[in-house]
């Protein structure tokens, strides 16, 4: 499943059912650019999780709501409820561990 770009207007609707990972990033962020292909790769394997990315520069409401001060920040939801919030680059093994 491809990683889908989301925004302040549609995030709540998209995360309300099932498991979801939201990669909060910025285009100018080096660690964010390193993390993106890892998330792409995992999204093709884990069909039980929805994968999204949210540009924090263009979506300040979500950034404020979840207290995002550093990027990349990964938000992990289950049925709309935030289950985990992780800041910083994670390698493939660390990311797989977070999604168990």
Protein backbone atom coordinates (compact mmCIF):
# COMPACT_ATOMS: atom_id res chain seq x y z
CA UNK A 1 0.00 0.00 0.00
CA UNK A 2 1.41 3.38 -0.94
CA UNK A 3 2.04 6.13 1.59
CA UNK A 4 -0.70 8.76 1.18
CA UNK A 5 -0.19 12.50 1.70
CA UNK A 6 -2.75 13.88 4.17
CA UNK A 7 -3.54 17.27 5.70
CA UNK A 8 -5.20 19.06 8.63
CA UNK A 9 -8.61 18.71 6.98
CA UNK A 10 -8.68 14.94 6.42
CA UNK A 11 -6.42 13.38 9.08
CA UNK A 12 -9.17 12.71 11.64
CA UNK A 13 -11.35 10.93 9.09
CA UNK A 14 -8.49 8.78 7.77
CA UNK A 15 -7.14 7.60 11.13
CA UNK A 16 -10.45 6.80 12.82
CA UNK A 17 -10.57 3.10 11.86
CA UNK A 18 -7.84 0.50 12.17
CA UNK A 19 -4.12 1.08 12.63
CA UNK A 20 -2.37 4.05 11.06
CA UNK A 21 1.11 5.55 11.03
CA UNK A 22 1.45 9.25 10.24
CA UNK A 23 4.93 10.44 9.27
CA UNK A 24 5.11 14.13 10.21
CA UNK A 25 7.87 15.62 8.08
CA UNK A 26 9.16 18.67 6.22
CA UNK A 27 10.67 18.72 2.73
CA UNK A 28 13.84 20.44 3.98
CA UNK A 29 14.50 17.90 6.78
CA UNK A 30 17.42 15.52 6.12
CA UNK A 31 16.39 12.78 8.59
CA UNK A 32 12.84 12.98 7.18
CA UNK A 33 14.16 12.31 3.68
CA UNK A 34 16.18 9.34 5.01
CA UNK A 35 13.11 7.91 6.75
CA UNK A 36 10.70 8.22 3.79
CA UNK A 37 12.03 5.27 1.72
CA UNK A 38 12.02 3.02 4.80
CA UNK A 39 8.37 3.83 5.45
CA UNK A 40 7.60 3.26 1.75
CA UNK A 41 9.24 -0.16 1.91
CA UNK A 42 7.41 -1.21 5.08
CA UNK A 43 4.08 0.08 3.73
CA UNK A 44 4.36 -2.41 0.87
CA UNK A 45 4.66 -5.30 3.34
CA UNK A 46 2.29 -4.42 6.19
CA UNK A 47 -1.20 -4.42 4.69
CA UNK A 48 -2.91 -4.21 8.09
CA UNK A 49 -1.63 -0.65 8.71
CA UNK A 50 -2.46 2.52 6.80
CA UNK A 51 0.56 4.75 6.10
CA UNK A 52 0.28 8.52 5.78
CA UNK A 53 2.62 11.49 5.61
CA UNK A 54 1.85 15.01 6.75
CA UNK A 55 3.95 18.08 5.90
CA UNK A 56 4.17 20.01 9.18
CA UNK A 57 4.98 23.29 7.41
CA UNK A 58 1.64 23.18 5.56
CA UNK A 59 -0.45 21.69 8.39
CA UNK A 60 0.06 23.67 11.60
CA UNK A 61 -3.21 22.56 13.26
CA UNK A 62 -2.11 18.93 13.49
CA UNK A 63 1.37 19.96 14.63
CA UNK A 64 -0.12 22.02 17.46
CA UNK A 65 -2.69 19.37 18.42
CA UNK A 66 -0.03 16.68 18.89
CA UNK A 67 2.71 18.97 20.22
CA UNK A 68 5.10 18.29 17.37
CA UNK A 69 8.25 20.30 18.10
CA UNK A 70 10.85 18.19 16.23
CA UNK A 71 10.76 16.18 13.04
CA UNK A 72 10.51 13.54 11.91
CA UNK A 73 7.74 12.62 14.33
CA UNK A 74 5.81 9.40 13.87
CA UNK A 75 2.26 9.23 15.20
CA UNK A 76 0.82 5.74 15.60
CA UNK A 77 -2.95 5.50 15.92
CA UNK A 78 -5.40 2.70 16.57
CA UNK A 79 -9.06 3.47 15.84
CA UNK A 80 -8.38 7.19 16.06
CA UNK A 81 -6.58 7.04 19.40
CA UNK A 82 -2.92 8.04 19.58
CA UNK A 83 -1.03 4.98 20.85
CA UNK A 84 2.56 6.15 20.36
CA UNK A 85 4.49 9.24 19.35
CA UNK A 86 8.14 8.84 18.39
CA UNK A 87 10.59 11.58 17.47
CA UNK A 88 13.67 11.18 15.29
CA UNK A 89 14.99 8.90 12.58
CA UNK A 90 14.28 5.18 13.02
CA UNK A 91 15.87 2.43 10.97
CA UNK A 92 13.86 -0.40 9.44
CA UNK A 93 14.23 -2.73 12.44
CA UNK A 94 13.23 -0.02 14.94
CA UNK A 95 10.23 0.93 12.85
CA UNK A 96 9.07 -2.67 12.48
CA UNK A 97 9.37 -3.06 16.26
CA UNK A 98 7.21 0.04 16.83
CA UNK A 99 4.51 -1.34 14.54
CA UNK A 100 4.11 -4.71 16.25
